[in-house]
């Protein structure tokens, strides 16, 4: 696939998605929102992709919503007020769905962040499985500073990634928090000295994940996401149902044999959809 605002490389065990509007500080316009959703749904259908590294070109990871094109992103304001509001609601749901594509992608997504990560950038990386960053990274839940309630995932996902009181402070004030503070809270898994080292660390994690059974990795991601949104009892029932089908596969025998013989193991790709 061809993209206007992203560099996307798939076709191997580790796919890469790179935000690519460096002259605009990777500010998110309508095309970028749409293409992020398209890219991760496409990668989800690429059965050889077992993990994804998300990074960005240029000085900053992203400046968040492109305020110069906010009218395009937020939609038109002309017409009957009720119909305009209903249209805007559907548009916000569309923007949310573009980032939910990362969460729904079977392959785990590792974000490698550098420089500024503002507003919509927090929404984006909150939908990732793992976050690493460079030492110069700083974050801000920027929406409050432009009189917006963050509405593309931060307030729904970050409560599972940050202590509640800290998240509320950050969301209410919009203040900056740097890599060291983010690491202290566990919002990022590790901090590297530079952007390139952060990408290398993300790639290292992705490569390790890609060496595991893709069936087991996809199942683990599905069960973790389900358990986050349900009770413990519901989560236990879900994983019992999942494994009652998946444990019949060949990967368990391969992995167990490799563990006993200390040999390396290669797992078959997942099957392509008939859609």
C-alpha atoms as a PDB file:
ATOM      1  CA  UNK A   1       0.000   0.000   0.000  1.00  0.00           C
ATOM      2  CA  UNK A   2       1.037   3.601  -0.643  1.00  0.00           C
ATOM      3  CA  UNK A   3       0.748   6.228   2.082  1.00  0.00           C
ATOM      4  CA  UNK A   4       0.992  10.013   2.047  1.00  0.00           C
ATOM      5  CA  UNK A   5       1.789  10.625   5.723  1.00  0.00           C
ATOM      6  CA  UNK A   6       3.470   7.360   6.765  1.00  0.00           C
ATOM      7  CA  UNK A   7       6.382   5.152   5.808  1.00  0.00           C
ATOM      8  CA  UNK A   8       5.198   1.554   6.128  1.00  0.00           C
ATOM      9  CA  UNK A   9       7.268  -1.569   5.621  1.00  0.00           C
ATOM     10  CA  UNK A  10       5.773  -5.038   5.941  1.00  0.00           C
ATOM     11  CA  UNK A  11       6.584  -8.401   4.479  1.00  0.00           C
ATOM     12  CA  UNK A  12       8.728  -9.712   7.317  1.00  0.00           C
ATOM     13  CA  UNK A  13       8.322 -10.821  10.909  1.00  0.00           C
ATOM     14  CA  UNK A  14       8.737  -7.245  12.170  1.00  0.00           C
ATOM     15  CA  UNK A  15       6.736  -4.572  10.344  1.00  0.00           C
ATOM     16  CA  UNK A  16       7.448  -0.864  10.750  1.00  0.00           C
ATOM     17  CA  UNK A  17       5.159   2.157  10.677  1.00  0.00           C
ATOM     18  CA  UNK A  18       6.830   5.577  10.717  1.00  0.00           C
ATOM     19  CA  UNK A  19       5.011   8.896  11.033  1.00  0.00           C
ATOM     20  CA  UNK A  20       6.326  10.927   8.125  1.00  0.00           C
ATOM     21  CA  UNK A  21       5.323  14.582   8.193  1.00  0.00           C
ATOM     22  CA  UNK A  22       8.603  15.849   9.649  1.00  0.00           C
ATOM     23  CA  UNK A  23       8.254  19.382   8.255  1.00  0.00           C
ATOM     24  CA  UNK A  24       4.951  19.657  10.130  1.00  0.00           C
ATOM     25  CA  UNK A  25       6.394  18.007  13.284  1.00  0.00           C
ATOM     26  CA  UNK A  26       4.239  14.979  12.411  1.00  0.00           C
ATOM     27  CA  UNK A  27       1.118  16.926  13.338  1.00  0.00           C
ATOM     28  CA  UNK A  28      -1.918  14.750  12.722  1.00  0.00           C
ATOM     29  CA  UNK A  29      -4.189  15.821   9.893  1.00  0.00           C
ATOM     30  CA  UNK A  30      -7.162  13.919   8.544  1.00  0.00           C
ATOM     31  CA  UNK A  31      -5.025  11.925   6.144  1.00  0.00           C
ATOM     32  CA  UNK A  32      -2.685  10.752   8.906  1.00  0.00           C
ATOM     33  CA  UNK A  33      -5.550   9.607  11.117  1.00  0.00           C
ATOM     34  CA  UNK A  34      -7.064   7.674   8.221  1.00  0.00           C
ATOM     35  CA  UNK A  35      -3.776   6.165   7.098  1.00  0.00           C
ATOM     36  CA  UNK A  36      -2.821   5.013  10.601  1.00  0.00           C
ATOM     37  CA  UNK A  37      -6.025   2.995  10.711  1.00  0.00           C
ATOM     38  CA  UNK A  38      -5.498   1.676   7.191  1.00  0.00           C
ATOM     39  CA  UNK A  39      -1.875   0.738   7.844  1.00  0.00           C
ATOM     40  CA  UNK A  40      -2.535  -1.279  10.983  1.00  0.00           C
ATOM     41  CA  UNK A  41      -5.554  -3.047   9.499  1.00  0.00           C
ATOM     42  CA  UNK A  42      -3.410  -3.940   6.495  1.00  0.00           C
ATOM     43  CA  UNK A  43      -0.598  -5.235   8.716  1.00  0.00           C
ATOM     44  CA  UNK A  44      -3.151  -7.222  10.715  1.00  0.00           C
ATOM     45  CA  UNK A  45      -3.991  -9.047   7.491  1.00  0.00           C
ATOM     46  CA  UNK A  46      -0.329  -9.649   6.648  1.00  0.00           C
ATOM     47  CA  UNK A  47       0.092 -13.094   8.175  1.00  0.00           C
ATOM     48  CA  UNK A  48       3.897 -12.919   8.330  1.00  0.00           C
ATOM     49  CA  UNK A  49       3.883  -9.757  10.484  1.00  0.00           C
ATOM     50  CA  UNK A  50       4.368 -10.856  14.094  1.00  0.00           C
ATOM     51  CA  UNK A  51       5.237  -7.526  15.724  1.00  0.00           C
ATOM     52  CA  UNK A  52       5.187  -3.856  14.700  1.00  0.00           C
ATOM     53  CA  UNK A  53       7.543  -0.992  15.562  1.00  0.00           C
ATOM     54  CA  UNK A  54       5.912   2.447  15.475  1.00  0.00           C
ATOM     55  CA  UNK A  55       8.276   5.446  15.273  1.00  0.00           C
ATOM     56  CA  UNK A  56       8.511   8.865  13.647  1.00  0.00           C
ATOM     57  CA  UNK A  57      10.803  10.813  11.338  1.00  0.00           C
ATOM     58  CA  UNK A  58      12.046  14.290  12.132  1.00  0.00           C
ATOM     59  CA  UNK A  59      12.669  16.279  15.292  1.00  0.00           C
ATOM     60  CA  UNK A  60       9.580  15.156  17.221  1.00  0.00           C
ATOM     61  CA  UNK A  61       7.374  12.078  17.450  1.00  0.00           C
ATOM     62  CA  UNK A  62       4.273  14.214  16.977  1.00  0.00           C
ATOM     63  CA  UNK A  63       2.947  17.651  17.846  1.00  0.00           C
ATOM     64  CA  UNK A  64      -0.556  16.162  18.112  1.00  0.00           C
ATOM     65  CA  UNK A  65      -3.576  17.433  16.237  1.00  0.00           C
ATOM     66  CA  UNK A  66      -2.703  19.657  13.287  1.00  0.00           C
ATOM     67  CA  UNK A  67      -4.450  22.831  14.428  1.00  0.00           C
ATOM     68  CA  UNK A  68      -3.931  24.424  10.988  1.00  0.00           C
ATOM     69  CA  UNK A  69      -6.162  21.717   9.538  1.00  0.00           C
ATOM     70  CA  UNK A  70      -8.398  21.228  12.565  1.00  0.00           C
ATOM     71  CA  UNK A  71     -11.454  22.253  10.563  1.00  0.00           C
ATOM     72  CA  UNK A  72     -10.853  19.334   8.211  1.00  0.00           C
ATOM     73  CA  UNK A  73     -10.169  16.929  11.062  1.00  0.00           C
ATOM     74  CA  UNK A  74     -13.127  18.053  13.171  1.00  0.00           C
ATOM     75  CA  UNK A  75     -15.577  18.382  10.280  1.00  0.00           C
ATOM     76  CA  UNK A  76     -17.856  21.134   8.983  1.00  0.00           C
ATOM     77  CA  UNK A  77     -20.048  23.375  11.137  1.00  0.00           C
ATOM     78  CA  UNK A  78     -22.667  24.399   8.573  1.00  0.00           C
ATOM     79  CA  UNK A  79     -26.235  23.109   8.582  1.00  0.00           C
ATOM     80  CA  UNK A  80     -28.862  22.113  11.118  1.00  0.00           C
ATOM     81  CA  UNK A  81     -27.149  22.117  14.557  1.00  0.00           C
ATOM     82  CA  UNK A  82     -28.455  18.700  15.564  1.00  0.00           C
ATOM     83  CA  UNK A  83     -27.363  17.107  12.293  1.00  0.00           C
ATOM     84  CA  UNK A  84     -23.983  18.810  12.461  1.00  0.00           C
ATOM     85  CA  UNK A  85     -23.454  17.459  16.009  1.00  0.00           C
ATOM     86  CA  UNK A  86     -24.521  13.957  14.953  1.00  0.00           C
ATOM     87  CA  UNK A  87     -22.072  14.103  12.055  1.00  0.00           C
ATOM     88  CA  UNK A  88     -19.284  15.311  14.335  1.00  0.00           C
ATOM     89  CA  UNK A  89     -19.986  12.463  16.756  1.00  0.00           C
ATOM     90  CA  UNK A  90     -19.595   9.940  13.940  1.00  0.00           C
ATOM     91  CA  UNK A  91     -16.396  11.676  12.875  1.00  0.00           C
ATOM     92  CA  UNK A  92     -14.935  11.439  16.389  1.00  0.00           C
ATOM     93  CA  UNK A  93     -15.840   7.744  16.448  1.00  0.00           C
ATOM     94  CA  UNK A  94     -13.987   7.387  13.132  1.00  0.00           C
ATOM     95  CA  UNK A  95     -10.867   9.031  14.606  1.00  0.00           C
ATOM     96  CA  UNK A  96     -11.085   6.731  17.621  1.00  0.00           C
ATOM     97  CA  UNK A  97     -11.374   3.719  15.346  1.00  0.00           C
ATOM     98  CA  UNK A  98      -8.187   4.730  13.500  1.00  0.00           C
ATOM     99  CA  UNK A  99      -6.203   4.310  16.741  1.00  0.00           C
ATOM    100  CA  UNK A 100      -8.183   1.305  17.957  1.00  0.00           C
ATOM    101  CA  UNK A 101      -6.742  -0.447  14.891  1.00  0.00           C
ATOM    102  CA  UNK A 102      -3.423  -0.663  16.794  1.00  0.00           C
ATOM    103  CA  UNK A 103      -5.137  -2.338  19.724  1.00  0.00           C
ATOM    104  CA  UNK A 104      -7.005  -4.744  17.463  1.00  0.00           C
ATOM    105  CA  UNK A 105      -3.949  -5.638  15.369  1.00  0.00           C
ATOM    106  CA  UNK A 106      -3.002  -9.229  16.201  1.00  0.00           C
ATOM    107  CA  UNK A 107       0.687  -8.309  16.173  1.00  0.00           C
ATOM    108  CA  UNK A 108       1.850  -6.443  19.305  1.00  0.00           C
ATOM    109  CA  UNK A 109       2.828  -2.821  18.636  1.00  0.00           C
ATOM    110  CA  UNK A 110       5.939  -1.290  20.217  1.00  0.00           C
ATOM    111  CA  UNK A 111       6.190   2.510  20.090  1.00  0.00           C
ATOM    112  CA  UNK A 112       9.646   4.106  19.897  1.00  0.00           C
ATOM    113  CA  UNK A 113       9.117   7.736  20.913  1.00  0.00           C
ATOM    114  CA  UNK A 114      11.461  10.725  20.729  1.00  0.00           C
ATOM    115  CA  UNK A 115      11.209  14.474  21.169  1.00  0.00           C
ATOM    116  CA  UNK A 116       7.729  15.824  21.809  1.00  0.00           C
ATOM    117  CA  UNK A 117       4.705  13.544  22.024  1.00  0.00           C
ATOM    118  CA  UNK A 118       1.667  15.741  22.495  1.00  0.00           C
ATOM    119  CA  UNK A 119      -2.093  15.435  22.540  1.00  0.00           C
ATOM    120  CA  UNK A 120      -3.122  12.930  19.907  1.00  0.00           C
ATOM    121  CA  UNK A 121       0.312  11.362  20.243  1.00  0.00           C
ATOM    122  CA  UNK A 122      -0.643  10.232  23.758  1.00  0.00           C
ATOM    123  CA  UNK A 123      -3.864   8.798  22.326  1.00  0.00           C
ATOM    124  CA  UNK A 124      -1.801   6.925  19.741  1.00  0.00           C
ATOM    125  CA  UNK A 125       0.871   5.451  22.000  1.00  0.00           C
ATOM    126  CA  UNK A 126      -1.717   4.533  24.640  1.00  0.00           C
ATOM    127  CA  UNK A 127      -3.160   2.118  22.080  1.00  0.00           C
ATOM    128  CA  UNK A 128       0.246   0.422  21.717  1.00  0.00           C
ATOM    129  CA  UNK A 129       1.256  -2.650  23.674  1.00  0.00           C
ATOM    130  CA  UNK A 130       4.680  -1.388  24.736  1.00  0.00           C
ATOM    131  CA  UNK A 131       6.329   2.050  24.793  1.00  0.00           C
ATOM    132  CA  UNK A 132      10.037   2.914  24.828  1.00  0.00           C
ATOM    133  CA  UNK A 133      11.502   6.374  24.403  1.00  0.00           C
ATOM    134  CA  UNK A 134      14.673   8.425  24.094  1.00  0.00           C
ATOM    135  CA  UNK A 135      16.014  10.577  26.907  1.00  0.00           C
ATOM    136  CA  UNK A 136      14.905  13.804  25.169  1.00  0.00           C
ATOM    137  CA  UNK A 137      11.250  12.720  25.041  1.00  0.00           C
ATOM    138  CA  UNK A 138       8.583  14.781  26.728  1.00  0.00           C
ATOM    139  CA  UNK A 139       4.850  14.259  26.850  1.00  0.00           C
ATOM    140  CA  UNK A 140       1.770  16.399  27.370  1.00  0.00           C
ATOM    141  CA  UNK A 141      -1.929  15.624  27.401  1.00  0.00           C
ATOM    142  CA  UNK A 142      -2.229  18.810  25.420  1.00  0.00           C
ATOM    143  CA  UNK A 143      -5.973  18.891  24.749  1.00  0.00           C
ATOM    144  CA  UNK A 144      -6.830  20.743  27.985  1.00  0.00           C
ATOM    145  CA  UNK A 145      -4.557  23.593  26.846  1.00  0.00           C
ATOM    146  CA  UNK A 146      -6.712  24.172  23.776  1.00  0.00           C
ATOM    147  CA  UNK A 147     -10.014  23.695  25.636  1.00  0.00           C
ATOM    148  CA  UNK A 148     -10.716  20.170  24.370  1.00  0.00           C
ATOM    149  CA  UNK A 149     -11.550  17.010  26.289  1.00  0.00           C
ATOM    150  CA  UNK A 150      -9.142  14.344  25.013  1.00  0.00           C
ATOM    151  CA  UNK A 151     -11.429  12.075  23.012  1.00  0.00           C
ATOM    152  CA  UNK A 152      -9.381   9.583  20.988  1.00  0.00           C
ATOM    153  CA  UNK A 153      -8.334   7.157  23.711  1.00  0.00           C
ATOM    154  CA  UNK A 154      -6.043   8.734  26.325  1.00  0.00           C
ATOM    155  CA  UNK A 155      -8.692   9.061  29.040  1.00  0.00           C
ATOM    156  CA  UNK A 156      -9.903   5.511  28.411  1.00  0.00           C
ATOM    157  CA  UNK A 157      -6.548   3.664  28.096  1.00  0.00           C
ATOM    158  CA  UNK A 158      -4.112   5.695  30.194  1.00  0.00           C
ATOM    159  CA  UNK A 159      -5.833   4.774  33.502  1.00  0.00           C
ATOM    160  CA  UNK A 160      -4.307   1.319  32.912  1.00  0.00           C
ATOM    161  CA  UNK A 161      -0.884   2.823  32.170  1.00  0.00           C
ATOM    162  CA  UNK A 162      -0.504   5.589  34.775  1.00  0.00           C
ATOM    163  CA  UNK A 163      -1.452   5.994  38.463  1.00  0.00           C
ATOM    164  CA  UNK A 164      -4.925   7.516  38.596  1.00  0.00           C
ATOM    165  CA  UNK A 165      -4.019  10.616  40.581  1.00  0.00           C
ATOM    166  CA  UNK A 166      -1.040  11.346  38.336  1.00  0.00           C
ATOM    167  CA  UNK A 167      -3.140  10.884  35.199  1.00  0.00           C
ATOM    168  CA  UNK A 168      -5.762  13.290  36.522  1.00  0.00           C
ATOM    169  CA  UNK A 169      -3.107  15.890  37.281  1.00  0.00           C
ATOM    170  CA  UNK A 170      -1.624  15.545  33.802  1.00  0.00           C
ATOM    171  CA  UNK A 171      -5.032  15.612  32.090  1.00  0.00           C
ATOM    172  CA  UNK A 172      -6.323  18.594  34.102  1.00  0.00           C
ATOM    173  CA  UNK A 173      -3.162  20.706  33.789  1.00  0.00           C
ATOM    174  CA  UNK A 174      -1.661  19.668  30.444  1.00  0.00           C
ATOM    175  CA  UNK A 175       1.783  20.046  31.969  1.00  0.00           C
ATOM    176  CA  UNK A 176       4.852  18.493  30.435  1.00  0.00           C
ATOM    177  CA  UNK A 177       6.273  15.276  31.835  1.00  0.00           C
ATOM    178  CA  UNK A 178       9.618  14.001  30.650  1.00  0.00           C
ATOM    179  CA  UNK A 179      11.070  10.573  29.954  1.00  0.00           C
ATOM    180  CA  UNK A 180      12.395  10.075  33.490  1.00  0.00           C
ATOM    181  CA  UNK A 181       9.002  10.753  35.067  1.00  0.00           C
ATOM    182  CA  UNK A 182       7.222   8.589  32.485  1.00  0.00           C
ATOM    183  CA  UNK A 183       9.630   5.757  33.275  1.00  0.00           C
ATOM    184  CA  UNK A 184       9.087   6.151  37.019  1.00  0.00           C
ATOM    185  CA  UNK A 185       5.343   5.619  36.552  1.00  0.00           C
ATOM    186  CA  UNK A 186       5.840   2.696  34.149  1.00  0.00           C
ATOM    187  CA  UNK A 187       4.269   4.587  31.256  1.00  0.00           C
ATOM    188  CA  UNK A 188       7.354   3.676  29.205  1.00  0.00           C
ATOM    189  CA  UNK A 189       9.227   0.388  29.532  1.00  0.00           C
ATOM    190  CA  UNK A 190      12.690   1.846  29.045  1.00  0.00           C
ATOM    191  CA  UNK A 191      14.557   5.043  28.191  1.00  0.00           C
ATOM    192  CA  UNK A 192      17.417   5.074  25.666  1.00  0.00           C
ATOM    193  CA  UNK A 193      19.925   7.843  25.073  1.00  0.00           C
ATOM    194  CA  UNK A 194      18.900   8.659  21.506  1.00  0.00           C
ATOM    195  CA  UNK A 195      16.081   8.210  18.990  1.00  0.00           C
ATOM    196  CA  UNK A 196      18.042   5.597  17.062  1.00  0.00           C
ATOM    197  CA  UNK A 197      18.751   3.648  20.235  1.00  0.00           C
ATOM    198  CA  UNK A 198      15.075   3.781  21.201  1.00  0.00           C
ATOM    199  CA  UNK A 199      14.134   2.378  17.791  1.00  0.00           C
ATOM    200  CA  UNK A 200      16.816  -0.292  18.172  1.00  0.00           C
ATOM    201  CA  UNK A 201      15.403  -1.230  21.588  1.00  0.00           C
ATOM    202  CA  UNK A 202      11.867  -1.406  20.181  1.00  0.00           C
ATOM    203  CA  UNK A 203      13.116  -3.560  17.309  1.00  0.00           C
ATOM    204  CA  UNK A 204      14.906  -5.847  19.766  1.00  0.00           C
ATOM    205  CA  UNK A 205      11.683  -6.374  21.713  1.00  0.00           C
ATOM    206  CA  UNK A 206       9.708  -6.870  18.488  1.00  0.00           C
ATOM    207  CA  UNK A 207      12.225  -9.435  17.228  1.00  0.00           C
ATOM    208  CA  UNK A 208      11.995 -11.382  20.476  1.00  0.00           C
ATOM    209  CA  UNK A 209       8.194 -11.385  20.260  1.00  0.00           C
ATOM    210  CA  UNK A 210       8.384 -12.466  16.614  1.00  0.00           C
ATOM    211  CA  UNK A 211      10.358 -15.554  17.612  1.00  0.00           C
ATOM    212  CA  UNK A 212       7.417 -16.890  19.629  1.00  0.00           C
ATOM    213  CA  UNK A 213       4.374 -18.754  18.378  1.00  0.00           C
ATOM    214  CA  UNK A 214       2.273 -16.169  16.482  1.00  0.00           C
ATOM    215  CA  UNK A 215      -0.833 -18.051  17.560  1.00  0.00           C
ATOM    216  CA  UNK A 216       0.135 -17.771  21.226  1.00  0.00           C
ATOM    217  CA  UNK A 217       1.148 -14.119  20.899  1.00  0.00           C
ATOM    218  CA  UNK A 218      -2.098 -13.154  19.174  1.00  0.00           C
ATOM    219  CA  UNK A 219      -4.028 -15.096  21.804  1.00  0.00           C
ATOM    220  CA  UNK A 220      -2.153 -13.464  24.666  1.00  0.00           C
ATOM    221  CA  UNK A 221      -2.891 -10.003  23.259  1.00  0.00           C
ATOM    222  CA  UNK A 222      -6.569 -10.823  22.783  1.00  0.00           C
ATOM    223  CA  UNK A 223      -6.882 -12.209  26.313  1.00  0.00           C
ATOM    224  CA  UNK A 224      -5.047  -9.259  27.889  1.00  0.00           C
ATOM    225  CA  UNK A 225      -7.278  -6.758  26.079  1.00  0.00           C
ATOM    226  CA  UNK A 226     -10.420  -8.680  27.005  1.00  0.00           C
ATOM    227  CA  UNK A 227      -9.367  -9.000  30.648  1.00  0.00           C
ATOM    228  CA  UNK A 228      -8.680  -5.255  30.914  1.00  0.00           C
ATOM    229  CA  UNK A 229     -12.286  -4.516  29.975  1.00  0.00           C
ATOM    230  CA  UNK A 230     -14.014  -7.299  31.953  1.00  0.00           C
ATOM    231  CA  UNK A 231     -14.156  -8.876  35.381  1.00  0.00           C
ATOM    232  CA  UNK A 232     -11.626 -11.480  36.496  1.00  0.00           C
ATOM    233  CA  UNK A 233     -14.324 -14.138  36.239  1.00  0.00           C
ATOM    234  CA  UNK A 234     -15.155 -13.114  32.669  1.00  0.00           C
ATOM    235  CA  UNK A 235     -11.469 -13.059  31.778  1.00  0.00           C
ATOM    236  CA  UNK A 236     -10.876 -16.552  33.151  1.00  0.00           C
ATOM    237  CA  UNK A 237     -13.852 -17.882  31.223  1.00  0.00           C
ATOM    238  CA  UNK A 238     -12.613 -16.202  28.039  1.00  0.00           C
ATOM    239  CA  UNK A 239      -9.096 -17.654  28.246  1.00  0.00           C
ATOM    240  CA  UNK A 240     -10.504 -21.102  29.039  1.00  0.00           C
ATOM    241  CA  UNK A 241     -12.587 -20.930  25.880  1.00  0.00           C
ATOM    242  CA  UNK A 242      -9.640 -19.592  23.877  1.00  0.00           C
ATOM    243  CA  UNK A 243      -7.212 -22.299  24.973  1.00  0.00           C
ATOM    244  CA  UNK A 244      -9.754 -25.090  24.622  1.00  0.00           C
ATOM    245  CA  UNK A 245      -9.400 -24.495  20.879  1.00  0.00           C
ATOM    246  CA  UNK A 246      -5.839 -23.226  20.479  1.00  0.00           C
ATOM    247  CA  UNK A 247      -4.048 -25.877  22.560  1.00  0.00           C
ATOM    248  CA  UNK A 248      -4.928 -28.430  19.882  1.00  0.00           C
ATOM    249  CA  UNK A 249      -2.510 -26.745  17.474  1.00  0.00           C
ATOM    250  CA  UNK A 250       0.993 -27.811  16.455  1.00  0.00           C
ATOM    251  CA  UNK A 251       2.816 -24.885  18.095  1.00  0.00           C
ATOM    252  CA  UNK A 252       2.572 -26.345  21.612  1.00  0.00           C
ATOM    253  CA  UNK A 253       4.266 -29.568  20.540  1.00  0.00           C
ATOM    254  CA  UNK A 254       6.967 -27.638  18.643  1.00  0.00           C
ATOM    255  CA  UNK A 255       7.685 -25.319  21.565  1.00  0.00           C
ATOM    256  CA  UNK A 256       7.742 -28.121  24.128  1.00  0.00           C
ATOM    257  CA  UNK A 257      10.084 -30.215  21.980  1.00  0.00           C
ATOM    258  CA  UNK A 258      12.403 -27.265  21.437  1.00  0.00           C
ATOM    259  CA  UNK A 259      12.485 -26.568  25.180  1.00  0.00           C
ATOM    260  CA  UNK A 260      13.464 -30.166  25.925  1.00  0.00           C
ATOM    261  CA  UNK A 261      16.085 -30.427  23.170  1.00  0.00           C
ATOM    262  CA  UNK A 262      17.258 -26.807  23.427  1.00  0.00           C
ATOM    263  CA  UNK A 263      16.878 -26.499  19.672  1.00  0.00           C
ATOM    264  CA  UNK A 264      15.578 -23.441  17.864  1.00  0.00           C
ATOM    265  CA  UNK A 265      12.039 -23.579  16.561  1.00  0.00           C
ATOM    266  CA  UNK A 266      10.209 -22.010  13.641  1.00  0.00           C
ATOM    267  CA  UNK A 267       6.464 -21.525  13.772  1.00  0.00           C
ATOM    268  CA  UNK A 268       4.159 -21.440  10.757  1.00  0.00           C
ATOM    269  CA  UNK A 269       2.473 -18.195   9.779  1.00  0.00           C
ATOM    270  CA  UNK A 270      -1.149 -17.569  10.657  1.00  0.00           C
ATOM    271  CA  UNK A 271      -3.667 -18.290   7.907  1.00  0.00           C
ATOM    272  CA  UNK A 272      -4.905 -15.555   5.622  1.00  0.00           C
ATOM    273  CA  UNK A 273      -8.504 -14.475   5.914  1.00  0.00           C
ATOM    274  CA  UNK A 274     -10.945 -15.515   3.193  1.00  0.00           C
ATOM    275  CA  UNK A 275     -12.392 -11.962   3.163  1.00  0.00           C
END
